[in-house]
């Protein structure tokens, strides 16, 4: 698997545990580390944007919850 394929497999919302992708990720740590870092930075930027746009704590919580429902490879990272 390529690093991009691994990252995509870890981003899916499947019922199956992504064992093959995780095994491949372990073998390609150096290639995947920058991808995980970029994903973490992207999510932090989105949370900052949500915080800036939210007028109440309830709006912030709802938007953050919606963002976190999206499958993220960071769960496995």
N, C-alpha and C. Protein backbone atom coordinates (compact mmCIF):
# COMPACT_ATOMS: atom_id res chain seq x y z
N UNK A 1 0.84 -1.18 0.00
CA UNK A 1 0.00 0.00 0.00
C UNK A 1 0.89 1.25 0.00
N UNK A 2 0.43 2.25 -0.71
CA UNK A 2 1.14 3.53 -0.69
C UNK A 2 0.74 4.29 0.57
N UNK A 3 1.52 5.29 0.99
CA UNK A 3 1.11 6.08 2.15
C UNK A 3 -0.27 6.72 1.96
N UNK A 4 -0.57 7.17 0.76
CA UNK A 4 -1.88 7.77 0.50
C UNK A 4 -3.00 6.76 0.66
N UNK A 5 -2.78 5.52 0.19
CA UNK A 5 -3.78 4.47 0.33
C UNK A 5 -3.98 4.11 1.81
N UNK A 6 -2.89 4.07 2.54
CA UNK A 6 -2.98 3.77 3.97
C UNK A 6 -3.79 4.84 4.67
N UNK A 7 -3.47 6.09 4.40
CA UNK A 7 -4.17 7.21 5.04
C UNK A 7 -5.65 7.18 4.71
N UNK A 8 -5.97 6.88 3.46
CA UNK A 8 -7.37 6.80 3.04
C UNK A 8 -8.08 5.65 3.76
N UNK A 9 -7.41 4.50 3.87
CA UNK A 9 -8.01 3.35 4.55
C UNK A 9 -8.27 3.64 6.03
N UNK A 10 -7.39 4.43 6.64
CA UNK A 10 -7.57 4.77 8.05
C UNK A 10 -8.61 5.88 8.24
N UNK A 11 -9.04 6.48 7.15
CA UNK A 11 -10.04 7.56 7.20
C UNK A 11 -11.45 7.07 6.94
N UNK A 12 -11.60 5.82 6.60
CA UNK A 12 -12.93 5.28 6.28
C UNK A 12 -13.71 4.97 7.54
N UNK A 13 -15.00 5.02 7.41
CA UNK A 13 -15.90 4.68 8.50
C UNK A 13 -16.48 3.30 8.22
N UNK A 14 -15.61 2.30 8.27
CA UNK A 14 -16.02 0.92 8.00
C UNK A 14 -16.28 0.18 9.30
N UNK A 15 -17.02 -0.90 9.18
CA UNK A 15 -17.25 -1.75 10.34
C UNK A 15 -16.04 -2.64 10.63
N UNK A 16 -15.20 -2.82 9.62
CA UNK A 16 -14.03 -3.69 9.77
C UNK A 16 -12.84 -2.91 10.31
N UNK A 17 -12.09 -3.55 11.19
CA UNK A 17 -10.87 -2.97 11.71
C UNK A 17 -9.83 -2.94 10.59
N UNK A 18 -9.15 -1.80 10.36
CA UNK A 18 -8.22 -1.67 9.23
C UNK A 18 -6.84 -2.29 9.52
N UNK A 19 -6.84 -3.57 9.81
CA UNK A 19 -5.61 -4.24 10.22
C UNK A 19 -4.51 -4.16 9.15
N UNK A 20 -4.86 -4.38 7.88
CA UNK A 20 -3.85 -4.35 6.81
C UNK A 20 -3.25 -2.95 6.69
N UNK A 21 -4.08 -1.94 6.79
CA UNK A 21 -3.59 -0.57 6.69
C UNK A 21 -2.69 -0.23 7.87
N UNK A 22 -3.05 -0.69 9.05
CA UNK A 22 -2.22 -0.42 10.22
C UNK A 22 -0.88 -1.14 10.14
N UNK A 23 -0.90 -2.37 9.65
CA UNK A 23 0.36 -3.10 9.46
C UNK A 23 1.26 -2.38 8.45
N UNK A 24 0.66 -1.92 7.37
CA UNK A 24 1.42 -1.17 6.36
C UNK A 24 1.93 0.14 6.94
N UNK A 25 1.12 0.78 7.78
CA UNK A 25 1.53 2.05 8.39
C UNK A 25 2.74 1.84 9.30
N UNK A 26 2.75 0.75 10.02
CA UNK A 26 3.89 0.46 10.89
C UNK A 26 5.18 0.31 10.09
N UNK A 27 5.06 -0.23 8.90
CA UNK A 27 6.23 -0.43 8.05
C UNK A 27 6.67 0.85 7.34
N UNK A 28 5.78 1.84 7.29
CA UNK A 28 6.08 3.08 6.56
C UNK A 28 5.93 4.31 7.46
N UNK A 29 6.37 4.19 8.69
CA UNK A 29 6.21 5.28 9.66
C UNK A 29 6.78 6.60 9.16
N UNK A 30 7.97 6.54 8.59
CA UNK A 30 8.63 7.79 8.16
C UNK A 30 7.82 8.51 7.08
N UNK A 31 7.17 7.76 6.21
CA UNK A 31 6.38 8.38 5.14
C UNK A 31 5.05 8.91 5.67
N UNK A 32 4.50 8.26 6.69
CA UNK A 32 3.19 8.66 7.21
C UNK A 32 3.25 9.74 8.27
N UNK A 33 4.35 9.87 8.97
CA UNK A 33 4.44 10.86 10.05
C UNK A 33 4.09 12.27 9.58
N UNK A 34 4.63 12.74 8.45
CA UNK A 34 4.24 14.09 8.00
C UNK A 34 2.76 14.20 7.64
N UNK A 35 2.17 13.12 7.18
CA UNK A 35 0.75 13.13 6.82
C UNK A 35 -0.10 13.25 8.08
N UNK A 36 0.28 12.53 9.14
CA UNK A 36 -0.45 12.63 10.40
C UNK A 36 -0.29 14.03 11.00
N UNK A 37 0.91 14.58 10.90
CA UNK A 37 1.15 15.93 11.41
C UNK A 37 0.29 16.95 10.66
N UNK A 38 0.23 16.83 9.35
CA UNK A 38 -0.58 17.75 8.54
C UNK A 38 -2.07 17.62 8.89
N UNK A 39 -2.51 16.40 9.13
CA UNK A 39 -3.92 16.19 9.49
C UNK A 39 -4.23 16.81 10.85
N UNK A 40 -3.31 16.67 11.80
CA UNK A 40 -3.51 17.28 13.12
C UNK A 40 -3.58 18.80 13.00
N UNK A 41 -2.69 19.37 12.20
CA UNK A 41 -2.70 20.82 11.99
C UNK A 41 -3.99 21.28 11.31
N UNK A 42 -4.47 20.49 10.35
CA UNK A 42 -5.71 20.83 9.65
C UNK A 42 -6.88 20.85 10.64
N UNK A 43 -6.96 19.83 11.49
CA UNK A 43 -8.05 19.77 12.47
C UNK A 43 -7.96 20.91 13.48
N UNK A 44 -6.76 21.23 13.94
CA UNK A 44 -6.61 22.34 14.88
C UNK A 44 -7.04 23.66 14.24
N UNK A 45 -6.71 23.83 12.96
CA UNK A 45 -7.12 25.04 12.25
C UNK A 45 -8.65 25.10 12.15
N UNK A 46 -9.28 23.95 11.87
CA UNK A 46 -10.74 23.93 11.78
C UNK A 46 -11.37 24.26 13.13
N UNK A 47 -10.82 23.74 14.21
CA UNK A 47 -11.35 24.06 15.53
C UNK A 47 -11.19 25.55 15.84
N UNK A 48 -10.06 26.12 15.44
CA UNK A 48 -9.86 27.57 15.63
C UNK A 48 -10.91 28.36 14.86
N UNK A 49 -11.19 27.95 13.63
CA UNK A 49 -12.20 28.63 12.82
C UNK A 49 -13.57 28.50 13.45
N UNK A 50 -13.88 27.32 13.97
CA UNK A 50 -15.16 27.10 14.64
C UNK A 50 -15.26 28.01 15.86
N UNK A 51 -14.17 28.09 16.61
CA UNK A 51 -14.18 28.93 17.81
C UNK A 51 -14.40 30.40 17.45
N UNK A 52 -13.76 30.83 16.38
CA UNK A 52 -13.90 32.23 15.96
C UNK A 52 -15.32 32.55 15.48
N UNK A 53 -15.97 31.59 14.83
CA UNK A 53 -17.29 31.82 14.27
C UNK A 53 -18.43 31.59 15.26
N UNK A 54 -18.19 30.77 16.27
CA UNK A 54 -19.23 30.44 17.23
C UNK A 54 -19.49 31.60 18.17
N UNK A 55 -20.76 31.88 18.37
CA UNK A 55 -21.14 32.97 19.25
C UNK A 55 -21.45 32.47 20.66
N UNK A 56 -21.76 31.18 20.76
CA UNK A 56 -22.05 30.61 22.08
C UNK A 56 -21.28 29.31 22.24
N UNK A 57 -21.17 28.89 23.47
CA UNK A 57 -20.50 27.62 23.75
C UNK A 57 -21.27 26.46 23.12
N UNK A 58 -22.57 26.58 23.08
CA UNK A 58 -23.41 25.53 22.49
C UNK A 58 -23.12 25.39 20.99
N UNK A 59 -22.98 26.53 20.29
CA UNK A 59 -22.64 26.49 18.86
C UNK A 59 -21.27 25.84 18.65
N UNK A 60 -20.32 26.21 19.50
CA UNK A 60 -18.97 25.64 19.40
C UNK A 60 -19.01 24.13 19.60
N UNK A 61 -19.72 23.70 20.63
CA UNK A 61 -19.81 22.27 20.94
C UNK A 61 -20.46 21.50 19.79
N UNK A 62 -21.53 22.05 19.23
CA UNK A 62 -22.23 21.38 18.13
C UNK A 62 -21.34 21.27 16.89
N UNK A 63 -20.64 22.34 16.56
CA UNK A 63 -19.77 22.33 15.39
C UNK A 63 -18.58 21.40 15.61
N UNK A 64 -18.02 21.41 16.80
CA UNK A 64 -16.91 20.52 17.11
C UNK A 64 -17.32 19.07 17.08
N UNK A 65 -18.51 18.79 17.59
CA UNK A 65 -19.02 17.42 17.57
C UNK A 65 -19.22 16.94 16.14
N UNK A 66 -19.73 17.80 15.29
CA UNK A 66 -19.93 17.45 13.89
C UNK A 66 -18.58 17.16 13.22
N UNK A 67 -17.60 17.98 13.51
CA UNK A 67 -16.26 17.79 12.94
C UNK A 67 -15.66 16.46 13.40
N UNK A 68 -15.86 16.10 14.64
CA UNK A 68 -15.27 14.88 15.18
C UNK A 68 -15.98 13.62 14.72
N UNK A 69 -17.17 13.74 14.17
CA UNK A 69 -17.87 12.57 13.64
C UNK A 69 -17.22 12.07 12.36
N UNK A 70 -16.48 12.95 11.68
CA UNK A 70 -15.81 12.56 10.46
C UNK A 70 -14.67 11.62 10.81
N UNK A 71 -14.60 10.46 10.17
CA UNK A 71 -13.51 9.53 10.49
C UNK A 71 -12.15 10.21 10.27
N UNK A 72 -11.27 10.01 11.21
CA UNK A 72 -9.94 10.60 11.13
C UNK A 72 -8.87 9.55 11.35
N UNK A 73 -7.85 9.56 10.50
CA UNK A 73 -6.74 8.64 10.71
C UNK A 73 -5.98 8.93 12.01
N UNK A 74 -6.20 10.11 12.59
CA UNK A 74 -5.53 10.44 13.84
C UNK A 74 -5.95 9.51 14.97
N UNK A 75 -7.13 8.93 14.86
CA UNK A 75 -7.59 7.95 15.85
C UNK A 75 -6.57 6.82 15.95
N UNK A 76 -6.02 6.39 14.82
CA UNK A 76 -5.06 5.31 14.79
C UNK A 76 -3.62 5.79 14.97
N UNK A 77 -3.41 7.08 14.70
CA UNK A 77 -2.07 7.65 14.80
C UNK A 77 -1.57 7.65 16.20
